[in-house]
Amino acid sequence: MLREPIIEIGYQHAALCQLGFPRKETTAIDFERKIGSVAICLQAGKVFDGEKFVQQRLAYGGYARLILAWVSTLAKKNGSPKVAIGESAKDFLVALGKHKNGNDNARMKSQLLSLSVCN
């Protein structure tokens, strides 16, 4: 008996599908891209470390795209802007289908922080 393949549907805003984030790490704190009548402007934010605000990098690359697509998909499926990402960074990595090693963990945390303060 043949089984139908399981198709997981993901959701992403059309502008982000066309324009996205920077592909590589950049020292810039602003990123602008325009294609036709669609445009995006991203600005890296700052995080308070208990003493001062620290400038963060712009989110970039595959992790930023994966995180945003995953969060957008859950928000759409659940009909809520609130998305639970797990009890730990490792839980979140597993939910994303990534390994729980230190390298993936550090990269994911860095991109998640950058995304969380990005305008």
N, C-alpha and C. Protein backbone atom coordinates (compact mmCIF):
# COMPACT_ATOMS: atom_id res chain seq x y z
N MET A 1 0.84 -1.18 0.00
CA MET A 1 0.00 0.00 0.00
C MET A 1 0.89 1.25 0.00
N LEU A 2 0.67 2.13 -0.93
CA LEU A 2 1.44 3.36 -1.02
C LEU A 2 0.85 4.41 -0.09
N ARG A 3 1.74 5.09 0.57
CA ARG A 3 1.29 6.17 1.45
C ARG A 3 1.50 7.50 0.75
N GLU A 4 0.59 8.39 1.02
CA GLU A 4 0.74 9.74 0.49
C GLU A 4 1.87 10.43 1.25
N PRO A 5 2.71 11.21 0.56
CA PRO A 5 3.77 11.94 1.27
C PRO A 5 3.16 12.99 2.19
N ILE A 6 3.78 13.18 3.33
CA ILE A 6 3.33 14.22 4.26
C ILE A 6 3.89 15.54 3.76
N ILE A 7 3.00 16.48 3.54
CA ILE A 7 3.41 17.79 3.06
C ILE A 7 3.17 18.79 4.18
N GLU A 8 4.24 19.38 4.65
CA GLU A 8 4.15 20.40 5.69
C GLU A 8 4.09 21.76 5.00
N ILE A 9 3.06 22.51 5.26
CA ILE A 9 2.90 23.83 4.65
C ILE A 9 3.47 24.88 5.58
N GLY A 10 4.29 25.74 5.02
CA GLY A 10 4.87 26.85 5.77
C GLY A 10 4.28 28.16 5.29
N TYR A 11 4.30 29.16 6.13
CA TYR A 11 3.76 30.47 5.79
C TYR A 11 4.84 31.52 5.99
N GLN A 12 4.89 32.45 5.05
CA GLN A 12 5.85 33.54 5.10
C GLN A 12 5.22 34.72 4.37
N HIS A 13 5.46 35.91 4.86
CA HIS A 13 4.93 37.09 4.19
C HIS A 13 5.55 37.18 2.80
N ALA A 14 4.73 37.57 1.82
CA ALA A 14 5.19 37.62 0.43
C ALA A 14 6.43 38.50 0.25
N ALA A 15 6.49 39.62 0.97
CA ALA A 15 7.65 40.51 0.84
C ALA A 15 8.92 39.81 1.31
N LEU A 16 8.83 39.03 2.37
CA LEU A 16 10.02 38.33 2.86
C LEU A 16 10.42 37.20 1.94
N CYS A 17 9.46 36.61 1.24
CA CYS A 17 9.80 35.59 0.24
C CYS A 17 10.60 36.19 -0.90
N GLN A 18 10.26 37.40 -1.29
CA GLN A 18 10.93 38.05 -2.40
C GLN A 18 12.24 38.73 -1.98
N LEU A 19 12.26 39.31 -0.80
CA LEU A 19 13.37 40.19 -0.43
C LEU A 19 14.29 39.61 0.63
N GLY A 20 13.74 39.02 1.66
CA GLY A 20 14.53 38.35 2.69
C GLY A 20 15.47 39.22 3.50
N PHE A 21 16.45 38.56 4.08
CA PHE A 21 17.47 39.17 4.92
C PHE A 21 18.80 39.14 4.18
N PRO A 22 19.80 39.85 4.69
CA PRO A 22 21.13 39.73 4.07
C PRO A 22 21.56 38.26 4.07
N ARG A 23 22.25 37.85 3.02
CA ARG A 23 22.71 36.45 2.93
C ARG A 23 23.92 36.19 3.81
N LYS A 24 24.77 37.21 3.94
CA LYS A 24 26.01 37.06 4.70
C LYS A 24 26.07 38.07 5.83
N GLU A 25 26.91 37.79 6.80
CA GLU A 25 27.10 38.72 7.91
C GLU A 25 27.60 40.05 7.37
N THR A 26 27.11 41.12 7.97
CA THR A 26 27.49 42.46 7.53
C THR A 26 27.74 43.34 8.75
N THR A 27 28.57 44.36 8.56
CA THR A 27 28.81 45.31 9.65
C THR A 27 27.78 46.43 9.63
N ALA A 28 27.00 46.51 8.54
CA ALA A 28 25.96 47.54 8.43
C ALA A 28 24.87 47.29 9.46
N ILE A 29 24.23 48.35 9.91
CA ILE A 29 23.11 48.19 10.84
C ILE A 29 21.77 48.43 10.14
N ASP A 30 21.81 48.80 8.86
CA ASP A 30 20.62 48.99 8.05
C ASP A 30 20.73 48.12 6.80
N PHE A 31 19.61 47.61 6.37
CA PHE A 31 19.56 46.79 5.15
C PHE A 31 18.30 47.17 4.40
N GLU A 32 18.45 47.60 3.16
CA GLU A 32 17.30 47.96 2.33
C GLU A 32 17.38 47.19 1.02
N ARG A 33 16.23 46.73 0.58
CA ARG A 33 16.17 46.04 -0.70
C ARG A 33 14.80 46.34 -1.32
N LYS A 34 14.80 46.52 -2.64
CA LYS A 34 13.57 46.83 -3.37
C LYS A 34 13.54 46.01 -4.64
N ILE A 35 12.40 45.38 -4.90
CA ILE A 35 12.17 44.69 -6.16
C ILE A 35 10.80 45.12 -6.64
N GLY A 36 10.76 45.82 -7.75
CA GLY A 36 9.48 46.33 -8.25
C GLY A 36 8.85 47.27 -7.24
N SER A 37 7.61 46.99 -6.87
CA SER A 37 6.90 47.84 -5.91
C SER A 37 6.99 47.32 -4.47
N VAL A 38 7.81 46.29 -4.25
CA VAL A 38 7.96 45.71 -2.92
C VAL A 38 9.32 46.14 -2.35
N ALA A 39 9.32 46.58 -1.09
CA ALA A 39 10.58 47.03 -0.47
C ALA A 39 10.60 46.61 0.99
N ILE A 40 11.81 46.48 1.51
CA ILE A 40 11.99 46.15 2.92
C ILE A 40 13.15 46.98 3.47
N CYS A 41 13.01 47.42 4.70
CA CYS A 41 14.06 48.15 5.39
C CYS A 41 14.22 47.52 6.77
N LEU A 42 15.36 46.92 7.03
CA LEU A 42 15.65 46.31 8.32
C LEU A 42 16.68 47.16 9.05
N GLN A 43 16.49 47.32 10.36
CA GLN A 43 17.43 48.06 11.17
C GLN A 43 17.79 47.21 12.39
N ALA A 44 19.08 47.01 12.59
CA ALA A 44 19.54 46.24 13.75
C ALA A 44 19.23 47.03 15.02
N GLY A 45 18.81 46.31 16.05
CA GLY A 45 18.46 46.96 17.31
C GLY A 45 19.56 46.86 18.35
N LYS A 46 19.23 47.28 19.54
CA LYS A 46 20.16 47.25 20.67
C LYS A 46 19.56 46.45 21.81
N VAL A 47 20.44 45.85 22.62
CA VAL A 47 20.03 45.06 23.78
C VAL A 47 20.67 45.68 25.02
N PHE A 48 19.88 45.83 26.07
CA PHE A 48 20.40 46.35 27.33
C PHE A 48 21.06 45.21 28.10
N ASP A 49 22.34 45.37 28.44
CA ASP A 49 23.08 44.30 29.12
C ASP A 49 23.13 44.47 30.64
N GLY A 50 22.33 45.38 31.16
CA GLY A 50 22.31 45.64 32.60
C GLY A 50 23.02 46.93 32.96
N GLU A 51 23.88 47.39 32.07
CA GLU A 51 24.60 48.65 32.29
C GLU A 51 24.44 49.62 31.13
N LYS A 52 24.42 49.09 29.91
CA LYS A 52 24.34 49.95 28.73
C LYS A 52 23.65 49.19 27.59
N PHE A 53 23.26 49.94 26.56
CA PHE A 53 22.70 49.33 25.37
C PHE A 53 23.83 48.90 24.44
N VAL A 54 23.73 47.68 23.94
CA VAL A 54 24.75 47.11 23.07
C VAL A 54 24.15 46.89 21.68
N GLN A 55 24.79 47.50 20.68
CA GLN A 55 24.33 47.35 19.30
C GLN A 55 24.47 45.91 18.85
N GLN A 56 23.40 45.38 18.26
CA GLN A 56 23.41 44.02 17.72
C GLN A 56 23.65 44.07 16.22
N ARG A 57 23.99 42.92 15.66
CA ARG A 57 24.16 42.82 14.21
C ARG A 57 22.79 42.62 13.57
N LEU A 58 22.75 42.84 12.28
CA LEU A 58 21.55 42.49 11.53
C LEU A 58 21.45 40.97 11.45
N ALA A 59 20.24 40.47 11.54
CA ALA A 59 20.02 39.04 11.32
C ALA A 59 20.39 38.75 9.87
N TYR A 60 20.95 37.57 9.62
CA TYR A 60 21.38 37.24 8.26
C TYR A 60 21.38 35.72 8.07
N GLY A 61 21.40 35.32 6.83
CA GLY A 61 21.62 33.93 6.49
C GLY A 61 20.45 32.99 6.74
N GLY A 62 20.77 31.71 6.61
CA GLY A 62 19.77 30.65 6.69
C GLY A 62 19.06 30.53 8.02
N TYR A 63 19.79 30.74 9.13
CA TYR A 63 19.13 30.62 10.44
C TYR A 63 18.06 31.69 10.61
N ALA A 64 18.36 32.91 10.24
CA ALA A 64 17.37 33.99 10.37
C ALA A 64 16.13 33.67 9.55
N ARG A 65 16.34 33.19 8.32
CA ARG A 65 15.21 32.84 7.45
C ARG A 65 14.40 31.68 8.03
N LEU A 66 15.11 30.66 8.51
CA LEU A 66 14.45 29.49 9.08
C LEU A 66 13.64 29.86 10.32
N ILE A 67 14.23 30.64 11.21
CA ILE A 67 13.55 31.04 12.44
C ILE A 67 12.29 31.84 12.11
N LEU A 68 12.42 32.82 11.22
CA LEU A 68 11.27 33.65 10.89
C LEU A 68 10.17 32.85 10.19
N ALA A 69 10.56 31.94 9.30
CA ALA A 69 9.56 31.10 8.62
C ALA A 69 8.86 30.20 9.62
N TRP A 70 9.61 29.63 10.56
CA TRP A 70 9.03 28.73 11.56
C TRP A 70 8.06 29.48 12.46
N VAL A 71 8.48 30.65 12.95
CA VAL A 71 7.64 31.46 13.83
C VAL A 71 6.39 31.93 13.09
N SER A 72 6.56 32.38 11.84
CA SER A 72 5.41 32.83 11.04
C SER A 72 4.42 31.70 10.81
N THR A 73 4.94 30.52 10.51
CA THR A 73 4.08 29.36 10.26
C THR A 73 3.28 28.99 11.51
N LEU A 74 3.95 28.95 12.67
CA LEU A 74 3.23 28.62 13.91
C LEU A 74 2.19 29.67 14.25
N ALA A 75 2.52 30.93 14.06
CA ALA A 75 1.56 32.00 14.35
C ALA A 75 0.33 31.87 13.45
N LYS A 76 0.56 31.58 12.19
CA LYS A 76 -0.56 31.43 11.24
C LYS A 76 -1.40 30.21 11.58
N LYS A 77 -0.74 29.08 11.83
CA LYS A 77 -1.48 27.85 12.13
C LYS A 77 -2.27 27.95 13.43
N ASN A 78 -1.70 28.62 14.43
CA ASN A 78 -2.35 28.74 15.73
C ASN A 78 -3.29 29.94 15.81
N GLY A 79 -3.25 30.80 14.82
CA GLY A 79 -4.10 31.98 14.81
C GLY A 79 -3.77 32.95 15.93
N SER A 80 -2.49 33.00 16.31
CA SER A 80 -2.09 33.87 17.41
C SER A 80 -0.68 34.42 17.15
N PRO A 81 -0.45 35.68 17.54
CA PRO A 81 0.90 36.24 17.40
C PRO A 81 1.87 35.71 18.46
N LYS A 82 1.35 34.99 19.46
CA LYS A 82 2.19 34.42 20.50
C LYS A 82 2.64 33.03 20.07
N VAL A 83 3.96 32.81 20.09
CA VAL A 83 4.53 31.55 19.65
C VAL A 83 5.47 31.03 20.73
N ALA A 84 5.19 29.83 21.22
CA ALA A 84 6.07 29.19 22.22
C ALA A 84 7.26 28.58 21.49
N ILE A 85 8.47 28.90 21.96
CA ILE A 85 9.66 28.36 21.29
C ILE A 85 10.35 27.29 22.12
N GLY A 86 9.74 26.87 23.20
CA GLY A 86 10.31 25.80 24.02
C GLY A 86 10.89 26.32 25.32
N GLU A 87 11.35 25.39 26.13
CA GLU A 87 11.89 25.73 27.43
C GLU A 87 13.36 26.13 27.38
N SER A 88 14.04 25.77 26.29
CA SER A 88 15.47 26.06 26.18
C SER A 88 15.84 26.24 24.71
N ALA A 89 17.06 26.73 24.51
CA ALA A 89 17.57 26.87 23.14
C ALA A 89 17.65 25.50 22.46
N LYS A 90 17.98 24.48 23.21
CA LYS A 90 18.05 23.14 22.64
C LYS A 90 16.68 22.66 22.18
N ASP A 91 15.64 22.95 22.96
CA ASP A 91 14.28 22.60 22.54
C ASP A 91 13.93 23.28 21.22
N PHE A 92 14.32 24.54 21.11
CA PHE A 92 14.03 25.30 19.90
C PHE A 92 14.78 24.71 18.71
N LEU A 93 16.03 24.34 18.90
CA LEU A 93 16.81 23.72 17.83
C LEU A 93 16.16 22.44 17.34
N VAL A 94 15.71 21.63 18.27
CA VAL A 94 15.05 20.37 17.91
C VAL A 94 13.78 20.65 17.11
N ALA A 95 12.99 21.65 17.55
CA ALA A 95 11.77 22.01 16.84
C ALA A 95 12.07 22.47 15.41
N LEU A 96 13.22 23.11 15.23
CA LEU A 96 13.64 23.57 13.90
C LEU A 96 14.27 22.47 13.06
N GLY A 97 14.48 21.32 13.68
CA GLY A 97 15.09 20.21 12.96
C GLY A 97 16.60 20.31 12.88
N LYS A 98 17.21 21.05 13.80
CA LYS A 98 18.66 21.24 13.80
C LYS A 98 19.29 20.39 14.90
N HIS A 99 20.60 20.25 14.81
CA HIS A 99 21.35 19.49 15.80
C HIS A 99 21.45 20.27 17.11
N LYS A 100 21.72 19.57 18.17
CA LYS A 100 21.83 20.21 19.48
C LYS A 100 23.28 20.47 19.87
N ASN A 101 24.17 20.58 18.88
CA ASN A 101 25.57 20.80 19.23
C ASN A 101 25.83 22.28 19.53
N GLY A 102 26.96 22.57 20.11
CA GLY A 102 27.30 23.92 20.53
C GLY A 102 27.34 24.93 19.40
N ASN A 103 27.82 24.52 18.23
CA ASN A 103 27.91 25.42 17.09
C ASN A 103 26.53 25.88 16.64
N ASP A 104 25.63 24.93 16.42
CA ASP A 104 24.27 25.29 16.01
C ASP A 104 23.58 26.11 17.08
N ASN A 105 23.78 25.74 18.32
CA ASN A 105 23.16 26.43 19.45
C ASN A 105 23.60 27.89 19.49
N ALA A 106 24.89 28.14 19.36
CA ALA A 106 25.42 29.51 19.42
C ALA A 106 24.92 30.34 18.23
N ARG A 107 24.92 29.76 17.04
CA ARG A 107 24.47 30.49 15.84
C ARG A 107 22.98 30.80 15.94
N MET A 108 22.21 29.83 16.39
CA MET A 108 20.77 30.04 16.52
C MET A 108 20.48 31.13 17.55
N LYS A 109 21.14 31.08 18.71
CA LYS A 109 20.92 32.10 19.74
C LYS A 109 21.27 33.49 19.24
N SER A 110 22.38 33.59 18.52
CA SER A 110 22.81 34.87 17.97
C SER A 110 21.78 35.43 17.00
N GLN A 111 21.28 34.60 16.10
CA GLN A 111 20.29 35.05 15.12
C GLN A 111 18.95 35.36 15.77
N LEU A 112 18.57 34.57 16.76
CA LEU A 112 17.32 34.81 17.48
C LEU A 112 17.38 36.15 18.21
N LEU A 113 18.51 36.45 18.85
CA LEU A 113 18.67 37.73 19.53
C LEU A 113 18.61 38.87 18.51
N SER A 114 19.33 38.73 17.41
CA SER A 114 19.31 39.77 16.37
C SER A 114 17.90 40.01 15.85
N LEU A 115 17.18 38.92 15.59
CA LEU A 115 15.79 39.04 15.11
C LEU A 115 14.89 39.70 16.13
N SER A 116 15.09 39.37 17.40
CA SER A 116 14.19 39.87 18.43
C SER A 116 14.26 41.39 18.63
N VAL A 117 15.37 42.00 18.23
CA VAL A 117 15.51 43.45 18.39
C VAL A 117 15.57 44.18 17.06
N CYS A 118 15.31 43.48 15.97
CA CYS A 118 15.36 44.07 14.64
C CYS A 118 14.06 44.81 14.34
N ASN A 119 14.17 45.96 13.73
CA ASN A 119 12.99 46.71 13.28
C ASN A 119 12.86 46.56 11.78
